[in-house]
Amino acid sequence: MEKIVIIRYAEIHLKGKNRGYFERVFTVNLERAMKGLRHELRRISGRYLVENFDEGMLDEILGRVSRVFGVHSYSVGYKVESDMDAIFAAAKLVCPMSGTFKVDTHRADKKFPLQSMEINREIGGRLLSERKELCVDVHSPAAYVYIDVRENGNTLVFGEFLKGLGGMPVGTSGKGLLLISGGIDSPVAGYMMAKRGMTVDCLHFHSYPYTNDQAKEKVVDLARILSRYSGAASLRTVSVTHVQEAIHEKCAPDLMITLLRRFMYRIAEIVAKRNGDQCLITGESLGQVASQTIEGMTSSNSVVRSLPVLRPLVGFDKDEIIERSMAMGAYETSILPFEDCCTVFLPEFPAIKPKMSYILEEEAKLDVDALVEEALGTLEKIEL
C-alpha cells in the first residue's frame, strides 16, 4: 500500500483534440511546483498521481498543489492492488472510527468481478463489522470512503476532495505585461489572468527619490507572491520621476494622474513588445478612483497602438478585490504604508471626466517622445 496525492484537472477535459497540449503544459507546471521535493508524477486517465514522496513533506506538497491553476480537486489517499482485501485495508485508513459514512465506488475497470454497488456493500459491510460505532448514511454522511478502480490493476482509495484553484494551466493563453503597483488591485489582476492560463510579466513605475527603496521592495515582494501562482514571472522597473516633474511644471494640475497614466501606457507597450508580451494588464476597477472612469480609461487606451488592454477587475468592487487579495496571500503586503508613484504631486482635485481635447492641449506642452525615451533608459530587470 502506497500513500499518494491524486490530482484532477479542471477545464482541460473540454479541449477535445487539443487536450494533449494542455495536459503537457499542466504536467510541466505541476513538476515546476514540486521542484526540490522528492516525488514521481504519473498521469493516468485524466488524473495525476504524486508518488514516492517523503510523507513528512505531505503538507508542503499539498500547499504547492493548491497554488497550481488548472487543478480542479486533489486528494490524499492510497494506491493498492485491485483486490478486495487490499481495498478494505486502505478503506480502514480513510474511514473514521465512529459516526456516519458512505462508500462511493467508481469502477473504470469493467473487468473487475464486482460492480460498483457490490463493492460499496461489501466494503461498507466489512467496516460496520469491525467498527461498531459506525453507521451508514447514504444521504448526508459525515465521512466518505471513495474507491476508484482503475484499468491498470490498481485502485485508489481516499476520503475527501480538496478544492483546487480551477482555471487553465499557466502558459496556455499567451503572455501579458501587468502594470503592477504597490496596492491591492494589480496583483489580483495578475492572479486573475494567470488563472485563465496567461503567463504574467510585471512592470513597475517608481518615482525615486520621491518614493523610497522600501516601496520598491514591497513591489518585489508582491511580484514574488504572484509568481507562486503564475510561474517564473519577471519584474521590470522604470523611473517616471522626470515625467512627473515635467507634468507638474508645465501642465494643468488636475491632469497630473491622467497624463502620467498615458505615459505609463506608452512605455508599457514598448516594454511589452520588446519582451514578447501580447497585451497589457491593469488592476483598474470602473469608478473606483478618479482616474478609473470610462473617460480616464479611454484616455489611457488611446495611446496604445497595437496591443489589447485587459482589465480583469473592471466590474469588481473593493470588497471582492480584497477578498481575492487575502486568498492569494498578498493583502498584508499590499497594505504596508509605503507610497507609490501615483501619490507624488497628487492634485487636490483630479479631473474625473476629462475631455480628450483638454488632455491633448495640455499634453502638447510636453516633449512626449523625449520623456518616454528617457524613461526607457532607466529600465531595470529584477530576478525573482
Protein backbone atom coordinates (compact mmCIF):
# COMPACT_ATOMS: atom_id res chain seq x y z
CA MET A 1 0.00 0.00 0.00
CA GLU A 2 1.38 3.40 -1.00
CA LYS A 3 0.27 6.86 0.13
CA ILE A 4 -0.35 9.12 -2.84
CA VAL A 5 -1.74 12.52 -3.81
CA ILE A 6 -4.41 12.36 -6.53
CA ILE A 7 -4.78 15.47 -8.75
CA ARG A 8 -7.68 16.08 -11.13
CA TYR A 9 -7.70 18.83 -13.72
CA ALA A 10 -10.43 21.36 -14.42
CA GLU A 11 -11.38 22.69 -17.89
CA ILE A 12 -8.79 20.65 -19.79
CA HIS A 13 -11.29 17.84 -20.33
CA LEU A 14 -13.29 20.21 -22.58
CA LYS A 15 -10.43 20.75 -25.02
CA GLY A 16 -11.15 17.88 -27.41
CA LYS A 17 -8.34 17.17 -29.87
CA ASN A 18 -6.15 19.86 -28.25
CA ARG A 19 -6.32 18.24 -24.84
CA GLY A 20 -2.89 16.66 -25.18
CA TYR A 21 -1.25 20.10 -25.45
CA PHE A 22 -2.99 21.38 -22.33
CA GLU A 23 -2.11 18.21 -20.42
CA ARG A 24 1.56 18.60 -21.33
CA VAL A 25 1.65 22.20 -20.09
CA PHE A 26 -0.23 21.18 -16.94
CA THR A 27 2.34 18.46 -16.31
CA VAL A 28 5.20 20.95 -16.69
CA ASN A 29 3.50 23.31 -14.21
CA LEU A 30 2.98 20.55 -11.66
CA GLU A 31 6.61 19.49 -11.97
CA ARG A 32 7.70 23.10 -11.55
CA ALA A 33 5.56 23.39 -8.42
CA MET A 34 7.18 20.24 -6.99
CA LYS A 35 10.73 21.36 -7.74
CA GLY A 36 13.13 20.46 -4.96
CA LEU A 37 10.87 17.79 -3.46
CA ARG A 38 11.44 14.08 -3.93
CA HIS A 39 8.49 12.70 -5.88
CA GLU A 40 7.27 10.94 -9.02
CA LEU A 41 4.42 12.37 -11.08
CA ARG A 42 2.37 9.94 -13.13
CA ARG A 43 -0.65 10.55 -15.38
CA ILE A 44 -3.46 8.01 -15.61
CA SER A 45 -6.74 8.66 -17.44
CA GLY A 46 -7.17 12.34 -16.67
CA ARG A 47 -5.68 12.03 -13.19
CA TYR A 48 -2.20 12.70 -11.92
CA LEU A 49 -0.63 10.76 -9.08
CA VAL A 50 2.16 12.13 -6.90
CA GLU A 51 4.02 9.07 -5.64
CA ASN A 52 7.24 8.07 -3.88
CA PHE A 53 7.42 11.26 -1.82
CA ASP A 54 8.64 11.87 1.71
CA GLU A 55 5.47 11.69 3.81
CA GLY A 56 6.95 14.28 6.16
CA MET A 57 6.67 16.74 3.25
CA LEU A 58 2.99 15.98 2.55
CA ASP A 59 1.73 19.36 3.80
CA GLU A 60 4.30 21.14 1.63
CA ILE A 61 3.23 19.12 -1.40
CA LEU A 62 -0.44 19.90 -0.79
CA GLY A 63 0.35 23.60 -0.35
CA ARG A 64 2.14 23.68 -3.69
CA VAL A 65 -0.61 21.77 -5.50
CA SER A 66 -3.16 24.21 -4.08
CA ARG A 67 -1.43 27.07 -5.95
CA VAL A 68 -1.39 25.45 -9.41
CA PHE A 69 -4.00 26.78 -11.81
CA GLY A 70 -5.84 24.06 -13.70
CA VAL A 71 -6.28 21.84 -10.62
CA HIS A 72 -9.96 21.08 -10.11
CA SER A 73 -9.51 18.98 -6.95
CA TYR A 74 -6.94 16.85 -5.16
CA SER A 75 -6.98 14.14 -2.52
CA VAL A 76 -4.64 12.29 -0.20
CA GLY A 77 -5.19 8.57 -0.45
CA TYR A 78 -3.70 5.15 -1.06
CA LYS A 79 -2.86 3.12 -4.14
CA VAL A 80 -3.42 -0.62 -3.75
CA GLU A 81 -3.85 -3.65 -5.97
CA SER A 82 -7.38 -4.17 -7.26
CA ASP A 83 -8.12 -6.82 -4.70
CA MET A 84 -10.97 -6.61 -2.17
CA ASP A 85 -8.74 -7.36 0.83
CA ALA A 86 -6.26 -4.67 -0.19
CA ILE A 87 -9.07 -2.21 -0.89
CA PHE A 88 -10.57 -2.90 2.54
CA ALA A 89 -7.21 -2.37 4.26
CA ALA A 90 -6.96 1.07 2.62
CA ALA A 91 -10.60 1.87 3.37
CA LYS A 92 -9.95 1.33 7.09
CA LEU A 93 -7.27 4.03 6.94
CA VAL A 94 -9.54 6.71 5.46
CA CYS A 95 -12.74 5.81 7.31
CA PRO A 96 -13.38 7.31 10.78
CA MET A 97 -13.80 5.12 13.85
CA SER A 98 -17.31 6.38 14.52
CA GLY A 99 -20.11 8.46 13.03
CA THR A 100 -21.92 8.19 9.72
CA PHE A 101 -20.23 7.24 6.46
CA LYS A 102 -20.85 6.17 2.90
CA VAL A 103 -18.78 4.09 0.47
CA ASP A 104 -18.77 5.54 -3.07
CA THR A 105 -17.15 3.48 -5.82
CA HIS A 106 -16.18 4.36 -9.38
CA ARG A 107 -15.28 1.27 -11.43
CA ALA A 108 -13.33 2.28 -14.53
CA ASP A 109 -12.09 -1.30 -14.93
CA LYS A 110 -15.19 -3.08 -16.23
CA LYS A 111 -13.36 -6.43 -15.98
CA PHE A 112 -13.24 -6.20 -12.20
CA PRO A 113 -15.54 -9.02 -10.97
CA LEU A 114 -17.71 -6.87 -8.70
CA GLN A 115 -19.82 -3.94 -9.84
CA SER A 116 -19.74 -0.56 -8.07
CA MET A 117 -22.79 -1.22 -5.86
CA GLU A 118 -21.44 -4.64 -4.89
CA ILE A 119 -18.11 -3.11 -3.88
CA ASN A 120 -19.95 -0.48 -1.83
CA ARG A 121 -21.95 -3.16 0.01
CA GLU A 122 -19.01 -5.45 0.72
CA ILE A 123 -16.55 -2.77 1.88
CA GLY A 124 -19.27 -0.99 3.86
CA GLY A 125 -20.32 -4.26 5.49
CA ARG A 126 -16.76 -5.10 6.49
CA LEU A 127 -16.28 -1.64 8.02
CA LEU A 128 -19.51 -1.98 10.00
CA SER A 129 -18.43 -5.39 11.28
CA GLU A 130 -15.12 -4.07 12.61
CA ARG A 131 -16.27 -0.67 13.90
CA LYS A 132 -19.43 -0.91 15.95
CA GLU A 133 -19.80 2.87 16.35
CA LEU A 134 -20.07 3.41 12.60
CA CYS A 135 -23.40 3.90 10.86
CA VAL A 136 -24.22 4.08 7.15
CA ASP A 137 -25.94 7.23 5.88
CA VAL A 138 -26.26 7.34 2.10
CA HIS A 139 -27.89 10.81 2.01
CA SER A 140 -25.77 13.10 4.21
CA PRO A 141 -22.86 11.15 5.69
CA ALA A 142 -20.25 12.81 7.87
CA ALA A 143 -17.50 10.94 6.01
CA TYR A 144 -16.92 9.20 2.70
CA VAL A 145 -14.79 6.30 1.57
CA TYR A 146 -14.12 6.84 -2.14
CA ILE A 147 -12.94 3.85 -4.18
CA ASP A 148 -11.64 4.32 -7.73
CA VAL A 149 -10.94 1.03 -9.52
CA ARG A 150 -8.62 1.86 -12.42
CA GLU A 151 -7.95 -0.07 -15.63
CA ASN A 152 -4.28 -0.72 -14.83
CA GLY A 153 -4.91 -3.18 -11.99
CA ASN A 154 -4.65 -0.58 -9.25
CA THR A 155 -7.32 1.01 -7.09
CA LEU A 156 -7.22 4.45 -5.48
CA VAL A 157 -8.85 4.84 -2.06
CA PHE A 158 -9.34 8.25 -0.44
CA GLY A 159 -11.61 10.12 1.95
CA GLU A 160 -12.17 13.64 0.61
CA PHE A 161 -11.92 16.00 -2.33
CA LEU A 162 -9.90 19.17 -1.64
CA LYS A 163 -10.89 22.05 -3.91
CA GLY A 164 -8.24 23.37 -6.30
CA LEU A 165 -7.95 26.81 -7.88
CA GLY A 166 -9.54 25.72 -11.16
CA GLY A 167 -8.84 27.72 -14.29
CA MET A 168 -6.41 26.89 -17.07
CA PRO A 169 -2.74 25.86 -16.91
CA VAL A 170 -0.46 28.90 -16.97
CA GLY A 171 1.26 29.14 -20.34
CA THR A 172 -1.69 28.06 -22.48
CA SER A 173 -3.16 31.53 -23.11
CA GLY A 174 -0.25 33.70 -24.20
CA LYS A 175 1.76 36.23 -22.23
CA GLY A 176 0.80 39.62 -20.81
CA LEU A 177 2.52 42.53 -19.09
CA LEU A 178 0.98 43.56 -15.77
CA LEU A 179 1.33 47.18 -14.66
CA ILE A 180 1.96 46.37 -11.00
CA SER A 181 1.81 48.99 -8.28
CA GLY A 182 2.25 48.57 -4.55
CA GLY A 183 -1.51 48.47 -3.98
CA ILE A 184 -4.13 45.77 -3.58
CA ASP A 185 -5.63 45.69 -7.06
CA SER A 186 -2.86 44.98 -9.56
CA PRO A 187 -1.51 41.73 -8.02
CA VAL A 188 -5.08 40.40 -8.00
CA ALA A 189 -5.45 41.38 -11.67
CA GLY A 190 -2.32 39.39 -12.49
CA TYR A 191 -3.65 36.45 -10.48
CA MET A 192 -6.95 36.52 -12.39
CA MET A 193 -5.20 36.48 -15.77
CA ALA A 194 -2.87 33.66 -14.66
CA LYS A 195 -6.00 31.73 -13.72
CA ARG A 196 -7.07 31.95 -17.35
CA GLY A 197 -3.75 30.42 -18.44
CA MET A 198 -1.78 33.59 -19.17
CA THR A 199 1.91 33.91 -18.31
CA VAL A 200 2.28 37.23 -16.47
CA ASP A 201 5.30 39.52 -16.58
CA CYS A 202 5.35 42.62 -14.37
CA LEU A 203 6.28 46.28 -14.93
CA HIS A 204 6.51 48.74 -12.05
CA PHE A 205 6.82 52.52 -12.29
CA HIS A 206 8.61 54.31 -9.46
CA SER A 207 9.45 57.91 -8.58
CA TYR A 208 12.76 57.69 -6.74
CA PRO A 209 13.78 59.74 -4.74
CA TYR A 210 10.17 60.78 -4.00
CA THR A 211 9.47 57.12 -3.28
CA ASN A 212 11.97 55.06 -1.28
CA ASP A 213 13.61 51.64 -1.52
CA GLN A 214 11.04 50.17 0.85
CA ALA A 215 8.30 50.95 -1.65
CA LYS A 216 10.31 49.16 -4.34
CA GLU A 217 10.94 46.12 -2.13
CA LYS A 218 7.22 45.95 -1.39
CA VAL A 219 6.53 45.58 -5.12
CA VAL A 220 9.25 42.94 -5.45
CA ASP A 221 7.57 41.00 -2.63
CA LEU A 222 4.17 41.31 -4.34
CA ALA A 223 5.63 40.08 -7.63
CA ARG A 224 7.13 37.09 -5.81
CA ILE A 225 3.76 36.28 -4.24
CA LEU A 226 2.15 36.47 -7.67
CA SER A 227 4.86 34.23 -9.13
CA ARG A 228 3.79 31.41 -6.79
CA TYR A 229 0.70 31.15 -8.98
CA SER A 230 1.91 32.44 -12.34
CA GLY A 231 5.22 30.63 -12.52
CA ALA A 232 8.56 32.34 -13.06
CA ALA A 233 7.26 35.83 -13.87
CA SER A 234 9.76 38.64 -14.50
CA LEU A 235 9.70 42.09 -12.91
CA ARG A 236 10.94 45.24 -14.63
CA THR A 237 11.01 48.73 -13.17
CA VAL A 238 11.04 52.14 -14.84
CA SER A 239 11.51 55.58 -13.29
CA VAL A 240 8.91 58.20 -14.19
CA THR A 241 10.22 60.89 -11.84
CA HIS A 242 11.23 63.17 -14.69
CA VAL A 243 7.84 62.68 -16.37
CA GLN A 244 6.00 63.73 -13.22
CA GLU A 245 8.26 66.74 -12.73
CA ALA A 246 7.64 67.86 -16.31
CA ILE A 247 3.86 67.48 -15.98
CA HIS A 248 3.90 69.28 -12.63
CA GLU A 249 5.90 72.16 -14.11
CA LYS A 250 4.08 72.64 -17.43
CA CYS A 251 0.56 71.20 -17.31
CA ALA A 252 -2.74 71.76 -15.53
CA PRO A 253 -2.60 70.23 -12.01
CA ASP A 254 -5.91 68.38 -12.33
CA LEU A 255 -4.50 66.29 -15.21
CA MET A 256 -1.42 65.02 -13.35
CA ILE A 257 -2.75 61.44 -12.98
CA THR A 258 -4.40 61.36 -16.41
CA LEU A 259 -1.26 62.47 -18.24
CA LEU A 260 1.02 60.27 -16.14
CA ARG A 261 -1.06 57.19 -16.95
CA ARG A 262 -0.85 57.98 -20.67
CA PHE A 263 2.94 57.96 -20.35
CA MET A 264 2.82 54.69 -18.42
CA TYR A 265 0.78 53.03 -21.16
CA ARG A 266 3.12 54.28 -23.89
CA ILE A 267 6.15 52.97 -22.01
CA ALA A 268 4.44 49.69 -21.11
CA GLU A 269 3.54 48.97 -24.75
CA ILE A 270 7.16 49.42 -25.83
CA VAL A 271 8.43 47.20 -22.99
CA ALA A 272 5.79 44.58 -23.77
CA LYS A 273 6.73 44.39 -27.45
CA ARG A 274 10.41 44.09 -26.62
CA ASN A 275 9.63 41.25 -24.21
CA GLY A 276 7.16 39.36 -26.40
CA ASP A 277 4.12 40.21 -24.28
CA GLN A 278 0.85 40.20 -26.19
CA CYS A 279 -1.28 42.52 -24.05
CA LEU A 280 -1.22 44.95 -21.15
CA ILE A 281 -2.97 44.09 -17.88
CA THR A 282 -4.08 46.62 -15.25
CA GLY A 283 -5.87 46.47 -11.92
CA GLU A 284 -8.39 49.16 -12.78
CA SER A 285 -11.94 48.87 -11.46
CA LEU A 286 -14.55 51.11 -13.07
CA GLY A 287 -15.34 54.12 -10.89
CA GLN A 288 -13.04 53.13 -8.02
CA VAL A 289 -10.86 56.26 -8.18
CA ALA A 290 -10.83 59.46 -10.22
CA SER A 291 -8.58 58.07 -12.98
CA GLN A 292 -10.67 54.93 -13.41
CA THR A 293 -13.71 56.48 -15.01
CA ILE A 294 -14.62 55.44 -18.53
CA GLU A 295 -13.20 58.76 -19.74
CA GLY A 296 -9.93 58.09 -17.92
CA MET A 297 -9.70 54.58 -19.34
CA THR A 298 -10.44 55.86 -22.84
CA SER A 299 -7.67 58.43 -22.48
CA SER A 300 -5.15 55.76 -21.45
CA ASN A 301 -6.22 53.29 -24.12
CA SER A 302 -5.91 55.86 -26.89
CA VAL A 303 -2.09 55.93 -26.68
CA VAL A 304 -1.76 52.14 -27.01
CA ARG A 305 -1.36 51.46 -30.70
CA SER A 306 -1.45 47.71 -31.24
CA LEU A 307 -1.96 45.74 -28.01
CA PRO A 308 -5.18 44.99 -26.15
CA VAL A 309 -5.51 46.32 -22.60
CA LEU A 310 -7.11 43.78 -20.27
CA ARG A 311 -8.81 44.89 -17.04
CA PRO A 312 -9.91 41.69 -15.27
CA LEU A 313 -11.17 43.61 -12.22
CA VAL A 314 -13.20 46.21 -14.10
CA GLY A 315 -16.53 45.02 -12.65
CA PHE A 316 -15.28 44.13 -9.15
CA ASP A 317 -15.98 46.20 -6.05
CA LYS A 318 -13.28 46.81 -3.46
CA ASP A 319 -14.51 44.13 -1.06
CA GLU A 320 -14.33 41.49 -3.80
CA ILE A 321 -10.78 42.55 -4.68
CA ILE A 322 -9.70 42.49 -1.03
CA GLU A 323 -11.20 39.02 -0.61
CA ARG A 324 -9.14 37.70 -3.51
CA SER A 325 -6.02 39.52 -2.31
CA MET A 326 -6.34 37.80 1.05
CA ALA A 327 -6.93 34.42 -0.60
CA MET A 328 -3.72 34.70 -2.65
CA GLY A 329 -1.71 35.90 0.37
CA ALA A 330 -0.92 39.38 -0.96
CA TYR A 331 -3.14 41.60 1.19
CA GLU A 332 -0.84 42.08 4.20
CA THR A 333 2.00 43.13 1.91
CA SER A 334 -0.23 45.37 -0.24
CA ILE A 335 -1.36 47.46 2.75
CA LEU A 336 2.15 48.23 4.00
CA PRO A 337 2.33 52.05 4.24
CA PHE A 338 4.90 52.80 1.53
CA GLU A 339 3.86 55.31 -1.13
CA ASP A 340 3.95 54.56 -4.85
CA CYS A 341 4.50 56.93 -7.76
CA CYS A 342 0.81 57.82 -8.13
CA THR A 343 0.90 59.65 -4.79
CA VAL A 344 3.66 62.02 -5.96
CA PHE A 345 2.40 65.51 -6.96
CA LEU A 346 -1.15 64.24 -6.37
CA PRO A 347 -3.58 67.07 -7.23
CA GLU A 348 -6.16 68.15 -4.68
CA PHE A 349 -8.96 67.88 -7.25
CA PRO A 350 -8.03 65.44 -10.05
CA ALA A 351 -10.03 65.52 -13.27
CA ILE A 352 -12.75 62.86 -13.17
CA LYS A 353 -14.17 63.13 -16.70
CA PRO A 354 -11.53 64.97 -18.72
CA LYS A 355 -12.31 65.81 -22.32
CA MET A 356 -9.84 64.48 -24.87
CA SER A 357 -9.38 67.93 -26.40
CA TYR A 358 -8.31 69.28 -22.99
CA ILE A 359 -5.92 66.35 -22.45
CA LEU A 360 -4.28 66.77 -25.85
CA GLU A 361 -3.97 70.53 -25.38
CA GLU A 362 -2.09 70.10 -22.11
CA GLU A 363 0.00 67.17 -23.32
CA ALA A 364 1.18 69.26 -26.28
CA LYS A 365 3.21 71.30 -23.79
CA LEU A 366 5.48 68.27 -23.25
CA ASP A 367 8.14 66.59 -25.40
CA VAL A 368 6.45 63.22 -25.17
CA ASP A 369 8.93 61.20 -27.23
CA ALA A 370 11.95 62.52 -25.32
CA LEU A 371 10.33 61.84 -21.95
CA VAL A 372 9.41 58.30 -22.97
CA GLU A 373 12.92 57.65 -24.26
CA GLU A 374 14.45 58.93 -21.02
CA ALA A 375 12.17 56.68 -19.01
CA LEU A 376 13.14 53.63 -21.07
CA GLY A 377 16.76 54.43 -20.28
CA THR A 378 16.04 53.67 -16.61
CA LEU A 379 14.61 50.21 -17.32
CA GLU A 380 15.83 47.63 -14.83
CA LYS A 381 15.08 43.90 -14.64
CA ILE A 382 14.82 42.27 -11.23
CA GLU A 383 15.16 38.50 -10.87
CA LEU A 384 12.51 37.00 -8.63
